[in-house]
Amino acid sequence: MSKGLFGDMFDFNKDGEMGFIERAAELAFLNELLTEEEKEEKLSELEDEGLDPDELSMMDEDERREALEDAGLDPDDYDFD
């Protein structure tokens, strides 16, 4: 019996084997989890520095870059598009 990273959660046809599509779905799910964790870490970093992510998203690019640099953060680490 071939189990994936999450056991048989993605064994959609319940045949005990992980096919190509089932493995792809499992990896896509894992990637989404990791992406969400990264986003939460970045938001936490902003808030720790006293910055409001919503306010930053409304600033023009130059203002946002300056605010992030003033807070000691690398503006290139954040995506507001």
PDB file of N, CA and C in Angstrom:
ATOM      1  N   MET A   1       0.848  -1.186   0.000  1.00  0.00           N
ATOM      2  CA  MET A   1       0.000   0.000   0.000  1.00  0.00           C
ATOM      3  C   MET A   1       0.890   1.244   0.000  1.00  0.00           C
ATOM      4  N   SER A   2       0.675   2.135  -0.948  1.00  0.00           N
ATOM      5  CA  SER A   2       1.451   3.358  -1.081  1.00  0.00           C
ATOM      6  C   SER A   2       0.677   4.522  -0.473  1.00  0.00           C
ATOM      7  N   LYS A   3       1.224   5.070   0.596  1.00  0.00           N
ATOM      8  CA  LYS A   3       0.564   6.209   1.245  1.00  0.00           C
ATOM      9  C   LYS A   3       1.338   7.476   0.918  1.00  0.00           C
ATOM     10  N   GLY A   4       0.632   8.580   0.884  1.00  0.00           N
ATOM     11  CA  GLY A   4       1.269   9.851   0.623  1.00  0.00           C
ATOM     12  C   GLY A   4       1.675  10.529   1.916  1.00  0.00           C
ATOM     13  N   LEU A   5       2.060  11.781   1.810  1.00  0.00           N
ATOM     14  CA  LEU A   5       2.477  12.566   2.967  1.00  0.00           C
ATOM     15  C   LEU A   5       1.366  12.692   4.004  1.00  0.00           C
ATOM     16  N   PHE A   6       0.143  12.697   3.552  1.00  0.00           N
ATOM     17  CA  PHE A   6      -1.014  12.858   4.443  1.00  0.00           C
ATOM     18  C   PHE A   6      -1.786  11.542   4.572  1.00  0.00           C
ATOM     19  N   GLY A   7      -1.079  10.424   4.520  1.00  0.00           N
ATOM     20  CA  GLY A   7      -1.734   9.123   4.597  1.00  0.00           C
ATOM     21  C   GLY A   7      -2.555   8.879   3.350  1.00  0.00           C
ATOM     22  N   ASP A   8      -3.785   8.413   3.538  1.00  0.00           N
ATOM     23  CA  ASP A   8      -4.627   8.137   2.376  1.00  0.00           C
ATOM     24  C   ASP A   8      -5.656   9.245   2.109  1.00  0.00           C
ATOM     25  N   MET A   9      -5.413  10.421   2.676  1.00  0.00           N
ATOM     26  CA  MET A   9      -6.335  11.551   2.512  1.00  0.00           C
ATOM     27  C   MET A   9      -6.568  11.894   1.036  1.00  0.00           C
ATOM     28  N   PHE A  10      -5.535  11.732   0.198  1.00  0.00           N
ATOM     29  CA  PHE A  10      -5.652  12.081  -1.211  1.00  0.00           C
ATOM     30  C   PHE A  10      -5.818  10.854  -2.106  1.00  0.00           C
ATOM     31  N   ASP A  11      -6.082   9.700  -1.525  1.00  0.00           N
ATOM     32  CA  ASP A  11      -6.370   8.494  -2.311  1.00  0.00           C
ATOM     33  C   ASP A  11      -7.854   8.560  -2.679  1.00  0.00           C
ATOM     34  N   PHE A  12      -8.149   9.374  -3.681  1.00  0.00           N
ATOM     35  CA  PHE A  12      -9.533   9.692  -4.027  1.00  0.00           C
ATOM     36  C   PHE A  12     -10.359   8.471  -4.420  1.00  0.00           C
ATOM     37  N   ASN A  13      -9.753   7.531  -5.114  1.00  0.00           N
ATOM     38  CA  ASN A  13     -10.519   6.359  -5.556  1.00  0.00           C
ATOM     39  C   ASN A  13     -10.414   5.193  -4.571  1.00  0.00           C
ATOM     40  N   LYS A  14      -9.740   5.421  -3.447  1.00  0.00           N
ATOM     41  CA  LYS A  14      -9.635   4.442  -2.349  1.00  0.00           C
ATOM     42  C   LYS A  14      -9.134   3.083  -2.809  1.00  0.00           C
ATOM     43  N   ASP A  15      -8.144   3.095  -3.747  1.00  0.00           N
ATOM     44  CA  ASP A  15      -7.579   1.827  -4.207  1.00  0.00           C
ATOM     45  C   ASP A  15      -6.302   1.451  -3.460  1.00  0.00           C
ATOM     46  N   GLY A  16      -5.907   2.264  -2.492  1.00  0.00           N
ATOM     47  CA  GLY A  16      -4.707   1.982  -1.704  1.00  0.00           C
ATOM     48  C   GLY A  16      -3.422   2.425  -2.372  1.00  0.00           C
ATOM     49  N   GLU A  17      -3.506   3.006  -3.539  1.00  0.00           N
ATOM     50  CA  GLU A  17      -2.333   3.485  -4.268  1.00  0.00           C
ATOM     51  C   GLU A  17      -2.506   4.962  -4.590  1.00  0.00           C
ATOM     52  N   MET A  18      -1.379   5.665  -4.598  1.00  0.00           N
ATOM     53  CA  MET A  18      -1.403   7.086  -4.947  1.00  0.00           C
ATOM     54  C   MET A  18      -0.997   7.228  -6.403  1.00  0.00           C
ATOM     55  N   GLY A  19      -1.934   7.590  -7.243  1.00  0.00           N
ATOM     56  CA  GLY A  19      -1.654   7.809  -8.656  1.00  0.00           C
ATOM     57  C   GLY A  19      -1.083   9.203  -8.880  1.00  0.00           C
ATOM     58  N   PHE A  20      -0.752   9.485 -10.122  1.00  0.00           N
ATOM     59  CA  PHE A  20      -0.153  10.765 -10.487  1.00  0.00           C
ATOM     60  C   PHE A  20      -1.039  11.949 -10.075  1.00  0.00           C
ATOM     61  N   ILE A  21      -2.313  11.896 -10.403  1.00  0.00           N
ATOM     62  CA  ILE A  21      -3.229  12.999 -10.095  1.00  0.00           C
ATOM     63  C   ILE A  21      -3.378  13.161  -8.582  1.00  0.00           C
ATOM     64  N   GLU A  22      -3.443  12.054  -7.869  1.00  0.00           N
ATOM     65  CA  GLU A  22      -3.591  12.120  -6.411  1.00  0.00           C
ATOM     66  C   GLU A  22      -2.337  12.713  -5.768  1.00  0.00           C
ATOM     67  N   ARG A  23      -1.165  12.337  -6.243  1.00  0.00           N
ATOM     68  CA  ARG A  23       0.080  12.907  -5.718  1.00  0.00           C
ATOM     69  C   ARG A  23       0.176  14.396  -6.055  1.00  0.00           C
ATOM     70  N   ALA A  24      -0.240  14.772  -7.249  1.00  0.00           N
ATOM     71  CA  ALA A  24      -0.214  16.185  -7.645  1.00  0.00           C
ATOM     72  C   ALA A  24      -1.133  17.010  -6.752  1.00  0.00           C
ATOM     73  N   ALA A  25      -2.312  16.483  -6.448  1.00  0.00           N
ATOM     74  CA  ALA A  25      -3.242  17.186  -5.569  1.00  0.00           C
ATOM     75  C   ALA A  25      -2.647  17.343  -4.171  1.00  0.00           C
ATOM     76  N   GLU A  26      -1.985  16.300  -3.704  1.00  0.00           N
ATOM     77  CA  GLU A  26      -1.360  16.342  -2.381  1.00  0.00           C
ATOM     78  C   GLU A  26      -0.251  17.403  -2.337  1.00  0.00           C
ATOM     79  N   LEU A  27       0.583  17.449  -3.365  1.00  0.00           N
ATOM     80  CA  LEU A  27       1.664  18.430  -3.413  1.00  0.00           C
ATOM     81  C   LEU A  27       1.133  19.856  -3.558  1.00  0.00           C
ATOM     82  N   ALA A  28       0.077  20.030  -4.331  1.00  0.00           N
ATOM     83  CA  ALA A  28      -0.538  21.357  -4.460  1.00  0.00           C
ATOM     84  C   ALA A  28      -1.085  21.825  -3.115  1.00  0.00           C
ATOM     85  N   PHE A  29      -1.696  20.914  -2.370  1.00  0.00           N
ATOM     86  CA  PHE A  29      -2.220  21.230  -1.048  1.00  0.00           C
ATOM     87  C   PHE A  29      -1.085  21.628  -0.106  1.00  0.00           C
ATOM     88  N   LEU A  30       0.003  20.876  -0.116  1.00  0.00           N
ATOM     89  CA  LEU A  30       1.155  21.161   0.728  1.00  0.00           C
ATOM     90  C   LEU A  30       1.751  22.519   0.370  1.00  0.00           C
ATOM     91  N   ASN A  31       1.873  22.808  -0.912  1.00  0.00           N
ATOM     92  CA  ASN A  31       2.401  24.086  -1.360  1.00  0.00           C
ATOM     93  C   ASN A  31       1.530  25.244  -0.872  1.00  0.00           C
ATOM     94  N   GLU A  32       0.229  25.079  -0.934  1.00  0.00           N
ATOM     95  CA  GLU A  32      -0.693  26.125  -0.469  1.00  0.00           C
ATOM     96  C   GLU A  32      -0.535  26.354   1.027  1.00  0.00           C
ATOM     97  N   LEU A  33      -0.357  25.283   1.790  1.00  0.00           N
ATOM     98  CA  LEU A  33      -0.143  25.423   3.236  1.00  0.00           C
ATOM     99  C   LEU A  33       1.121  26.219   3.515  1.00  0.00           C
ATOM    100  N   LEU A  34       2.190  25.908   2.814  1.00  0.00           N
ATOM    101  CA  LEU A  34       3.453  26.601   3.027  1.00  0.00           C
ATOM    102  C   LEU A  34       3.349  28.060   2.619  1.00  0.00           C
ATOM    103  N   THR A  35       2.664  28.329   1.529  1.00  0.00           N
ATOM    104  CA  THR A  35       2.484  29.697   1.063  1.00  0.00           C
ATOM    105  C   THR A  35       1.707  30.516   2.091  1.00  0.00           C
ATOM    106  N   GLU A  36       0.656  29.944   2.669  1.00  0.00           N
ATOM    107  CA  GLU A  36      -0.136  30.647   3.679  1.00  0.00           C
ATOM    108  C   GLU A  36       0.695  30.938   4.923  1.00  0.00           C
ATOM    109  N   GLU A  37       1.542  29.987   5.321  1.00  0.00           N
ATOM    110  CA  GLU A  37       2.393  30.207   6.488  1.00  0.00           C
ATOM    111  C   GLU A  37       3.361  31.358   6.237  1.00  0.00           C
ATOM    112  N   GLU A  38       3.926  31.431   5.034  1.00  0.00           N
ATOM    113  CA  GLU A  38       4.824  32.527   4.676  1.00  0.00           C
ATOM    114  C   GLU A  38       4.105  33.862   4.740  1.00  0.00           C
ATOM    115  N   LYS A  39       2.895  33.911   4.198  1.00  0.00           N
ATOM    116  CA  LYS A  39       2.114  35.149   4.218  1.00  0.00           C
ATOM    117  C   LYS A  39       1.842  35.592   5.652  1.00  0.00           C
ATOM    118  N   GLU A  40       1.480  34.649   6.510  1.00  0.00           N
ATOM    119  CA  GLU A  40       1.209  34.982   7.905  1.00  0.00           C
ATOM    120  C   GLU A  40       2.453  35.493   8.604  1.00  0.00           C
ATOM    121  N   GLU A  41       3.623  34.902   8.306  1.00  0.00           N
ATOM    122  CA  GLU A  41       4.880  35.368   8.891  1.00  0.00           C
ATOM    123  C   GLU A  41       5.178  36.796   8.456  1.00  0.00           C
ATOM    124  N   LYS A  42       4.981  37.081   7.179  1.00  0.00           N
ATOM    125  CA  LYS A  42       5.247  38.427   6.666  1.00  0.00           C
ATOM    126  C   LYS A  42       4.311  39.450   7.309  1.00  0.00           C
ATOM    127  N   LEU A  43       3.036  39.112   7.441  1.00  0.00           N
ATOM    128  CA  LEU A  43       2.089  40.020   8.087  1.00  0.00           C
ATOM    129  C   LEU A  43       2.480  40.256   9.535  1.00  0.00           C
ATOM    130  N   SER A  44       2.912  39.217  10.208  1.00  0.00           N
ATOM    131  CA  SER A  44       3.334  39.326  11.594  1.00  0.00           C
ATOM    132  C   SER A  44       4.550  40.240  11.720  1.00  0.00           C
ATOM    133  N   GLU A  45       5.503  40.111  10.789  1.00  0.00           N
ATOM    134  CA  GLU A  45       6.683  40.980  10.788  1.00  0.00           C
ATOM    135  C   GLU A  45       6.275  42.441  10.656  1.00  0.00           C
ATOM    136  N   LEU A  46       5.351  42.715   9.745  1.00  0.00           N
ATOM    137  CA  LEU A  46       4.888  44.091   9.557  1.00  0.00           C
ATOM    138  C   LEU A  46       4.243  44.633  10.822  1.00  0.00           C
ATOM    139  N   GLU A  47       3.365  43.834  11.409  1.00  0.00           N
ATOM    140  CA  GLU A  47       2.664  44.266  12.609  1.00  0.00           C
ATOM    141  C   GLU A  47       3.621  44.449  13.782  1.00  0.00           C
ATOM    142  N   ASP A  48       4.647  43.589  13.875  1.00  0.00           N
ATOM    143  CA  ASP A  48       5.651  43.725  14.933  1.00  0.00           C
ATOM    144  C   ASP A  48       6.397  45.052  14.834  1.00  0.00           C
ATOM    145  N   GLU A  49       6.539  45.554  13.615  1.00  0.00           N
ATOM    146  CA  GLU A  49       7.215  46.833  13.397  1.00  0.00           C
ATOM    147  C   GLU A  49       6.243  48.018  13.476  1.00  0.00           C
ATOM    148  N   GLY A  50       4.987  47.760  13.825  1.00  0.00           N
ATOM    149  CA  GLY A  50       4.009  48.832  13.961  1.00  0.00           C
ATOM    150  C   GLY A  50       3.410  49.293  12.643  1.00  0.00           C
ATOM    151  N   LEU A  51       3.544  48.474  11.617  1.00  0.00           N
ATOM    152  CA  LEU A  51       3.006  48.833  10.303  1.00  0.00           C
ATOM    153  C   LEU A  51       1.690  48.106  10.063  1.00  0.00           C
ATOM    154  N   ASP A  52       0.769  48.799   9.419  1.00  0.00           N
ATOM    155  CA  ASP A  52      -0.531  48.231   9.091  1.00  0.00           C
ATOM    156  C   ASP A  52      -0.511  47.740   7.642  1.00  0.00           C
ATOM    157  N   PRO A  53      -0.629  46.432   7.430  1.00  0.00           N
ATOM    158  CA  PRO A  53      -0.582  45.891   6.065  1.00  0.00           C
ATOM    159  C   PRO A  53      -1.620  46.512   5.129  1.00  0.00           C
ATOM    160  N   ASP A  54      -2.807  46.810   5.640  1.00  0.00           N
ATOM    161  CA  ASP A  54      -3.842  47.424   4.801  1.00  0.00           C
ATOM    162  C   ASP A  54      -3.432  48.827   4.379  1.00  0.00           C
ATOM    163  N   GLU A  55      -2.878  49.577   5.318  1.00  0.00           N
ATOM    164  CA  GLU A  55      -2.431  50.932   5.009  1.00  0.00           C
ATOM    165  C   GLU A  55      -1.281  50.898   3.992  1.00  0.00           C
ATOM    166  N   LEU A  56      -0.355  49.964   4.184  1.00  0.00           N
ATOM    167  CA  LEU A  56       0.755  49.834   3.240  1.00  0.00           C
ATOM    168  C   LEU A  56       0.263  49.502   1.832  1.00  0.00           C
ATOM    169  N   SER A  57      -0.768  48.679   1.737  1.00  0.00           N
ATOM    170  CA  SER A  57      -1.266  48.285   0.417  1.00  0.00           C
ATOM    171  C   SER A  57      -1.909  49.453  -0.329  1.00  0.00           C
ATOM    172  N   MET A  58      -2.350  50.475   0.404  1.00  0.00           N
ATOM    173  CA  MET A  58      -2.971  51.644  -0.238  1.00  0.00           C
ATOM    174  C   MET A  58      -1.961  52.716  -0.609  1.00  0.00           C
ATOM    175  N   MET A  59      -0.738  52.615  -0.092  1.00  0.00           N
ATOM    176  CA  MET A  59       0.299  53.608  -0.398  1.00  0.00           C
ATOM    177  C   MET A  59       0.819  53.394  -1.813  1.00  0.00           C
ATOM    178  N   ASP A  60       1.363  54.473  -2.390  1.00  0.00           N
ATOM    179  CA  ASP A  60       2.036  54.260  -3.670  1.00  0.00           C
ATOM    180  C   ASP A  60       3.367  53.564  -3.386  1.00  0.00           C
ATOM    181  N   GLU A  61       3.958  53.028  -4.416  1.00  0.00           N
ATOM    182  CA  GLU A  61       5.125  52.155  -4.256  1.00  0.00           C
ATOM    183  C   GLU A  61       6.292  52.840  -3.539  1.00  0.00           C
ATOM    184  N   ASP A  62       6.539  54.112  -3.867  1.00  0.00           N
ATOM    185  CA  ASP A  62       7.654  54.834  -3.248  1.00  0.00           C
ATOM    186  C   ASP A  62       7.418  55.065  -1.753  1.00  0.00           C
ATOM    187  N   GLU A  63       6.192  55.454  -1.402  1.00  0.00           N
ATOM    188  CA  GLU A  63       5.859  55.662   0.019  1.00  0.00           C
ATOM    189  C   GLU A  63       5.996  54.360   0.804  1.00  0.00           C
ATOM    190  N   ARG A  64       5.492  53.269   0.221  1.00  0.00           N
ATOM    191  CA  ARG A  64       5.544  51.964   0.878  1.00  0.00           C
ATOM    192  C   ARG A  64       6.997  51.523   1.064  1.00  0.00           C
ATOM    193  N   ARG A  65       7.812  51.700   0.035  1.00  0.00           N
ATOM    194  CA  ARG A  65       9.228  51.324   0.114  1.00  0.00           C
ATOM    195  C   ARG A  65       9.918  52.097   1.238  1.00  0.00           C
ATOM    196  N   GLU A  66       9.650  53.389   1.311  1.00  0.00           N
ATOM    197  CA  GLU A  66      10.263  54.219   2.351  1.00  0.00           C
ATOM    198  C   GLU A  66       9.809  53.794   3.749  1.00  0.00           C
ATOM    199  N   ALA A  67       8.523  53.504   3.904  1.00  0.00           N
ATOM    200  CA  ALA A  67       8.003  53.076   5.213  1.00  0.00           C
ATOM    201  C   ALA A  67       8.641  51.757   5.643  1.00  0.00           C
ATOM    202  N   LEU A  68       8.782  50.821   4.713  1.00  0.00           N
ATOM    203  CA  LEU A  68       9.390  49.532   5.037  1.00  0.00           C
ATOM    204  C   LEU A  68      10.873  49.695   5.373  1.00  0.00           C
ATOM    205  N   GLU A  69      11.573  50.524   4.600  1.00  0.00           N
ATOM    206  CA  GLU A  69      12.994  50.752   4.872  1.00  0.00           C
ATOM    207  C   GLU A  69      13.180  51.441   6.219  1.00  0.00           C
ATOM    208  N   ASP A  70      12.319  52.415   6.532  1.00  0.00           N
ATOM    209  CA  ASP A  70      12.397  53.108   7.819  1.00  0.00           C
ATOM    210  C   ASP A  70      12.185  52.147   8.991  1.00  0.00           C
ATOM    211  N   ALA A  71      11.413  51.094   8.750  1.00  0.00           N
ATOM    212  CA  ALA A  71      11.154  50.089   9.788  1.00  0.00           C
ATOM    213  C   ALA A  71      12.258  49.021   9.822  1.00  0.00           C
ATOM    214  N   GLY A  72      13.249  49.161   8.941  1.00  0.00           N
ATOM    215  CA  GLY A  72      14.349  48.202   8.924  1.00  0.00           C
ATOM    216  C   GLY A  72      14.029  46.919   8.170  1.00  0.00           C
ATOM    217  N   LEU A  73      13.010  46.967   7.310  1.00  0.00           N
ATOM    218  CA  LEU A  73      12.606  45.794   6.533  1.00  0.00           C
ATOM    219  C   LEU A  73      13.008  45.975   5.075  1.00  0.00           C
ATOM    220  N   ASP A  74      13.231  44.859   4.396  1.00  0.00           N
ATOM    221  CA  ASP A  74      13.584  44.898   2.980  1.00  0.00           C
ATOM    222  C   ASP A  74      12.300  44.941   2.155  1.00  0.00           C
ATOM    223  N   PRO A  75      12.031  46.049   1.467  1.00  0.00           N
ATOM    224  CA  PRO A  75      10.805  46.178   0.679  1.00  0.00           C
ATOM    225  C   PRO A  75      10.626  45.097  -0.380  1.00  0.00           C
ATOM    226  N   ASP A  76      11.729  44.535  -0.857  1.00  0.00           N
ATOM    227  CA  ASP A  76      11.650  43.511  -1.888  1.00  0.00           C
ATOM    228  C   ASP A  76      11.128  42.182  -1.347  1.00  0.00           C
ATOM    229  N   ASP A  77      11.042  42.044  -0.027  1.00  0.00           N
ATOM    230  CA  ASP A  77      10.523  40.820   0.599  1.00  0.00           C
ATOM    231  C   ASP A  77       9.000  40.806   0.674  1.00  0.00           C
ATOM    232  N   TYR A  78       8.373  41.912   0.295  1.00  0.00           N
ATOM    233  CA  TYR A  78       6.911  42.029   0.450  1.00  0.00           C
ATOM    234  C   TYR A  78       6.250  42.296  -0.884  1.00  0.00           C
ATOM    235  N   ASP A  79       5.138  41.621  -1.121  1.00  0.00           N
ATOM    236  CA  ASP A  79       4.412  41.768  -2.381  1.00  0.00           C
ATOM    237  C   ASP A  79       3.034  42.321  -2.082  1.00  0.00           C
ATOM    238  N   PHE A  80       2.758  43.525  -2.577  1.00  0.00           N
ATOM    239  CA  PHE A  80       1.468  44.170  -2.331  1.00  0.00           C
ATOM    240  C   PHE A  80       0.626  44.277  -3.583  1.00  0.00           C
ATOM    241  N   ASP A  81       0.996  43.579  -4.648  1.00  0.00           N
ATOM    242  CA  ASP A  81       0.226  43.630  -5.897  1.00  0.00           C
ATOM    243  C   ASP A  81      -0.958  42.716  -5.841  1.00  0.00           C
TER     244      ASP A  81
END
